[in-house]
Amino acid sequence: MLKTMSAFRLVRRLVSPVAFMAIFLVALPCVGRAQTAIFRGTVNPLGSGFSNPTGVAVDGAGNVFVADSGNNAVKEIVAGTGGAAAGTVNASSTINSLGSGFSNPTGVAVDGAGNVF
């Protein structure tokens, strides 16, 4: 499970004991009501240097893509680098900026062929 945490300017991976992956965004719109999520598991930092990460997606190879609106960038946290096992990422994984010319990107998606949108 992945979660963007704008206040801390990093992306964290929530290690869940169940065998599925879900995408979690903190910046979900909520109008006039508070929302609380409860997670019981381990929280591992995936990267730092983000400024207002607002969107996250994961491809079939385990690469994590982050819309980093504060830095006007879309970044890839590369699976299997920085000592991480194949198909996984960790705090030492390589982070690449993708493309250029973004202006406050707020979302990111990846399709089955690995194309990033």
Protein backbone atom coordinates (compact mmCIF):
# COMPACT_ATOMS: atom_id res chain seq x y z
CA MET A 1 0.00 0.00 0.00
CA LEU A 2 1.37 3.44 -0.86
CA LYS A 3 0.55 6.76 0.69
CA THR A 4 1.69 10.28 -0.15
CA MET A 5 2.40 12.49 2.81
CA SER A 6 2.68 16.12 1.71
CA ALA A 7 3.38 17.47 5.17
CA PHE A 8 6.46 15.27 5.47
CA ARG A 9 7.53 15.65 1.81
CA LEU A 10 8.19 12.00 1.31
CA VAL A 11 6.46 8.95 0.06
CA ARG A 12 5.96 5.96 2.31
CA ARG A 13 5.14 2.35 1.59
CA LEU A 14 2.73 0.79 4.03
CA VAL A 15 3.60 -2.87 4.42
CA SER A 16 0.34 -4.71 4.87
CA PRO A 17 0.08 -8.32 6.04
CA VAL A 18 -2.58 -9.05 3.44
CA ALA A 19 -1.70 -10.16 -0.09
CA PHE A 20 -3.02 -7.23 -2.11
CA MET A 21 -1.89 -3.75 -3.01
CA ALA A 22 -4.05 -0.68 -2.80
CA ILE A 23 -3.24 2.89 -3.67
CA PHE A 24 -3.91 5.42 -0.95
CA LEU A 25 -3.85 9.18 -1.46
CA VAL A 26 -3.95 11.51 1.51
CA ALA A 27 -5.12 14.38 -0.67
CA LEU A 28 -8.57 12.93 -1.21
CA PRO A 29 -11.22 15.62 -1.42
CA CYS A 30 -13.46 15.79 1.62
CA VAL A 31 -16.03 18.53 1.99
CA GLY A 32 -17.17 19.49 5.47
CA ARG A 33 -16.23 16.24 7.18
CA ALA A 34 -13.18 14.65 8.70
CA GLN A 35 -12.03 11.26 7.53
CA THR A 36 -9.87 8.83 9.46
CA ALA A 37 -8.00 5.80 8.18
CA ILE A 38 -6.59 3.13 10.46
CA PHE A 39 -3.55 1.11 9.37
CA ARG A 40 -1.90 -1.63 11.35
CA GLY A 41 1.45 -2.54 9.85
CA THR A 42 4.92 -1.20 9.15
CA VAL A 43 5.60 2.16 7.49
CA ASN A 44 8.81 2.33 5.41
CA PRO A 45 10.05 5.57 3.82
CA LEU A 46 10.53 5.27 0.05
CA GLY A 47 12.15 8.56 -0.82
CA SER A 48 12.59 12.13 0.28
CA GLY A 49 12.98 15.49 -1.42
CA PHE A 50 9.39 15.55 -2.60
CA SER A 51 7.43 18.78 -2.33
CA ASN A 52 3.69 18.22 -2.10
CA PRO A 53 3.42 14.74 -3.64
CA THR A 54 -0.19 14.45 -4.77
CA GLY A 55 -0.50 11.31 -6.89
CA VAL A 56 1.01 7.85 -6.93
CA ALA A 57 0.87 4.82 -9.24
CA VAL A 58 2.69 1.48 -9.42
CA ASP A 59 3.50 -0.48 -12.58
CA GLY A 60 3.66 -4.25 -13.01
CA ALA A 61 7.42 -4.30 -12.33
CA GLY A 62 7.00 -2.57 -8.95
CA ASN A 63 8.26 0.86 -10.05
CA VAL A 64 6.52 3.67 -8.15
CA PHE A 65 5.53 6.89 -9.97
CA VAL A 66 4.85 10.07 -8.00
CA ALA A 67 3.25 13.33 -9.16
CA ASP A 68 5.38 15.86 -7.26
CA SER A 69 3.40 19.07 -7.73
CA GLY A 70 5.63 21.28 -5.58
CA ASN A 71 8.65 20.43 -7.73
CA ASN A 72 6.64 20.48 -11.01
CA ALA A 73 7.83 16.95 -11.70
CA VAL A 74 6.76 13.35 -12.15
CA LYS A 75 9.28 11.03 -10.52
CA GLU A 76 9.94 7.31 -10.74
CA ILE A 77 11.23 5.29 -7.79
CA VAL A 78 12.95 2.40 -9.58
CA ALA A 79 12.24 -1.10 -8.29
CA GLY A 80 15.20 -3.40 -7.62
CA THR A 81 17.72 -0.59 -7.02
CA GLY A 82 19.45 0.61 -3.85
CA GLY A 83 19.68 -2.90 -2.47
CA ALA A 84 15.94 -3.57 -2.85
CA ALA A 85 14.81 -6.98 -4.03
CA ALA A 86 13.53 -7.26 -7.61
CA GLY A 87 10.03 -5.80 -7.87
CA THR A 88 10.33 -3.80 -4.65
CA VAL A 89 11.54 -0.33 -3.62
CA ASN A 90 13.17 0.97 -0.45
CA ALA A 91 14.55 4.22 1.00
CA SER A 92 17.75 3.84 -1.08
CA SER A 93 16.04 3.13 -4.41
CA THR A 94 17.00 5.30 -7.38
CA ILE A 95 14.66 8.24 -8.08
CA ASN A 96 14.44 9.53 -11.66
CA SER A 97 12.60 12.61 -12.90
CA LEU A 98 10.44 11.83 -15.95
CA GLY A 99 9.93 14.37 -18.73
CA SER A 100 9.93 18.13 -18.26
CA GLY A 101 7.65 21.13 -18.52
CA PHE A 102 5.10 19.96 -15.96
CA SER A 103 3.12 22.62 -14.14
CA ASN A 104 1.77 21.46 -10.79
CA PRO A 105 1.02 17.82 -11.73
CA THR A 106 -1.61 16.39 -9.41
CA GLY A 107 -1.99 12.82 -10.64
CA VAL A 108 -0.17 10.03 -12.38
CA ALA A 109 -1.28 6.72 -13.90
CA VAL A 110 0.43 3.79 -15.56
CA ASP A 111 -1.12 1.24 -17.93
CA GLY A 112 -0.42 -2.47 -18.36
CA ALA A 113 2.24 -1.76 -21.01
CA GLY A 114 4.16 0.53 -18.64
CA ASN A 115 3.12 3.81 -20.26
CA VAL A 116 2.99 6.65 -17.75
CA PHE A 117 0.24 9.30 -18.01
